[in-house]
Amino acid sequence: MLDRQVVKEFLQEELEGIEVPKDISFDDLVETFSKYTEDDYYEWLKDNFKSFFEHWNPHWDWIRERVEHYSKE
């Protein structure tokens, strides 16, 4: 779940100079954009899971290499 305060600050910054219609509550806009983004994020996670774990047939040597690589950062 996204931090709504972070999303709110992000939208305030990104929408600078863009007038939000008066009939759209900014809080509702923040919530709707957050949910929209979370839906997309979940699909992205599922796709990456399938790729990383080779569609439920993990190549553990490759995963070990990735763990080692990212552990050094």
C-alpha atoms as a PDB file:
ATOM      1  CA  MET A   1       0.000   0.000   0.000  1.00  0.00           C
ATOM      2  CA  LEU A   2       1.307   3.407  -0.940  1.00  0.00           C
ATOM      3  CA  ASP A   3       1.792   6.091   1.659  1.00  0.00           C
ATOM      4  CA  ARG A   4      -1.047   8.503   0.910  1.00  0.00           C
ATOM      5  CA  GLN A   5       0.874  11.483   2.280  1.00  0.00           C
ATOM      6  CA  VAL A   6       3.746  10.769  -0.100  1.00  0.00           C
ATOM      7  CA  VAL A   7       1.299  10.432  -2.999  1.00  0.00           C
ATOM      8  CA  LYS A   8      -0.390  13.683  -1.986  1.00  0.00           C
ATOM      9  CA  GLU A   9       2.924  15.546  -1.943  1.00  0.00           C
ATOM     10  CA  PHE A  10       3.902  13.981  -5.260  1.00  0.00           C
ATOM     11  CA  LEU A  11       0.646  15.035  -6.907  1.00  0.00           C
ATOM     12  CA  GLN A  12       0.856  18.545  -5.486  1.00  0.00           C
ATOM     13  CA  GLU A  13       4.299  18.893  -7.007  1.00  0.00           C
ATOM     14  CA  GLU A  14       3.514  17.248 -10.354  1.00  0.00           C
ATOM     15  CA  LEU A  15       0.211  19.060 -10.825  1.00  0.00           C
ATOM     16  CA  GLU A  16       1.716  22.470 -10.172  1.00  0.00           C
ATOM     17  CA  GLY A  17       0.275  24.788 -12.777  1.00  0.00           C
ATOM     18  CA  ILE A  18      -2.585  22.391 -13.611  1.00  0.00           C
ATOM     19  CA  GLU A  19      -5.978  23.360 -12.249  1.00  0.00           C
ATOM     20  CA  VAL A  20      -7.902  20.448 -10.748  1.00  0.00           C
ATOM     21  CA  PRO A  21     -11.636  20.889 -11.415  1.00  0.00           C
ATOM     22  CA  LYS A  22     -13.560  22.138  -8.387  1.00  0.00           C
ATOM     23  CA  ASP A  23     -15.895  19.137  -8.439  1.00  0.00           C
ATOM     24  CA  ILE A  24     -12.955  16.757  -7.809  1.00  0.00           C
ATOM     25  CA  SER A  25     -11.795  16.676  -4.210  1.00  0.00           C
ATOM     26  CA  PHE A  26      -8.011  16.624  -3.987  1.00  0.00           C
ATOM     27  CA  ASP A  27      -8.235  13.953  -1.267  1.00  0.00           C
ATOM     28  CA  ASP A  28     -10.410  11.830  -3.583  1.00  0.00           C
ATOM     29  CA  LEU A  29      -7.918  12.397  -6.381  1.00  0.00           C
ATOM     30  CA  VAL A  30      -5.071  11.242  -4.121  1.00  0.00           C
ATOM     31  CA  GLU A  31      -6.997   8.115  -3.098  1.00  0.00           C
ATOM     32  CA  THR A  32      -8.040   7.277  -6.656  1.00  0.00           C
ATOM     33  CA  PHE A  33      -4.551   7.784  -8.067  1.00  0.00           C
ATOM     34  CA  SER A  34      -3.114   5.679  -5.219  1.00  0.00           C
ATOM     35  CA  LYS A  35      -5.493   2.801  -5.924  1.00  0.00           C
ATOM     36  CA  TYR A  36      -4.847   3.064  -9.657  1.00  0.00           C
ATOM     37  CA  THR A  37      -1.104   2.899  -9.037  1.00  0.00           C
ATOM     38  CA  GLU A  38      -1.420   0.033  -6.544  1.00  0.00           C
ATOM     39  CA  ASP A  39      -3.399  -2.030  -9.064  1.00  0.00           C
ATOM     40  CA  ASP A  40      -0.678  -1.524 -11.662  1.00  0.00           C
ATOM     41  CA  TYR A  41       2.050  -2.185  -9.096  1.00  0.00           C
ATOM     42  CA  TYR A  42       0.496  -5.501  -8.103  1.00  0.00           C
ATOM     43  CA  GLU A  43       0.379  -6.648 -11.741  1.00  0.00           C
ATOM     44  CA  TRP A  44       3.994  -5.562 -12.170  1.00  0.00           C
ATOM     45  CA  LEU A  45       4.991  -7.597  -9.092  1.00  0.00           C
ATOM     46  CA  LYS A  46       3.229 -10.690 -10.428  1.00  0.00           C
ATOM     47  CA  ASP A  47       4.962 -10.361 -13.800  1.00  0.00           C
ATOM     48  CA  ASN A  48       8.345  -9.923 -12.175  1.00  0.00           C
ATOM     49  CA  PHE A  49       7.740 -12.876  -9.879  1.00  0.00           C
ATOM     50  CA  LYS A  50       7.052 -15.112 -12.867  1.00  0.00           C
ATOM     51  CA  SER A  51      10.173 -13.894 -14.617  1.00  0.00           C
ATOM     52  CA  PHE A  52      12.465 -14.060 -11.582  1.00  0.00           C
ATOM     53  CA  PHE A  53      11.298 -17.554 -10.596  1.00  0.00           C
ATOM     54  CA  GLU A  54      11.043 -18.793 -14.195  1.00  0.00           C
ATOM     55  CA  HIS A  55       7.325 -19.483 -14.028  1.00  0.00           C
ATOM     56  CA  TRP A  56       7.549 -21.547 -10.829  1.00  0.00           C
ATOM     57  CA  ASN A  57      10.620 -23.444 -11.978  1.00  0.00           C
ATOM     58  CA  PRO A  58      13.398 -21.460 -10.253  1.00  0.00           C
ATOM     59  CA  HIS A  59      16.947 -21.535 -11.513  1.00  0.00           C
ATOM     60  CA  TRP A  60      18.594 -21.331  -8.098  1.00  0.00           C
ATOM     61  CA  ASP A  61      22.147 -20.791  -9.338  1.00  0.00           C
ATOM     62  CA  TRP A  62      21.018 -17.691 -11.230  1.00  0.00           C
ATOM     63  CA  ILE A  63      19.089 -16.510  -8.154  1.00  0.00           C
ATOM     64  CA  ARG A  64      22.187 -16.989  -5.991  1.00  0.00           C
ATOM     65  CA  GLU A  65      24.120 -14.809  -8.436  1.00  0.00           C
ATOM     66  CA  ARG A  66      21.435 -12.105  -8.215  1.00  0.00           C
ATOM     67  CA  VAL A  67      21.458 -12.279  -4.405  1.00  0.00           C
ATOM     68  CA  GLU A  68      25.229 -11.929  -4.391  1.00  0.00           C
ATOM     69  CA  HIS A  69      25.106  -9.068  -6.886  1.00  0.00           C
ATOM     70  CA  TYR A  70      22.504  -7.056  -4.971  1.00  0.00           C
ATOM     71  CA  SER A  71      24.054  -7.824  -1.583  1.00  0.00           C
ATOM     72  CA  LYS A  72      27.203  -5.974  -2.685  1.00  0.00           C
ATOM     73  CA  GLU A  73      25.351  -2.722  -3.451  1.00  0.00           C
END
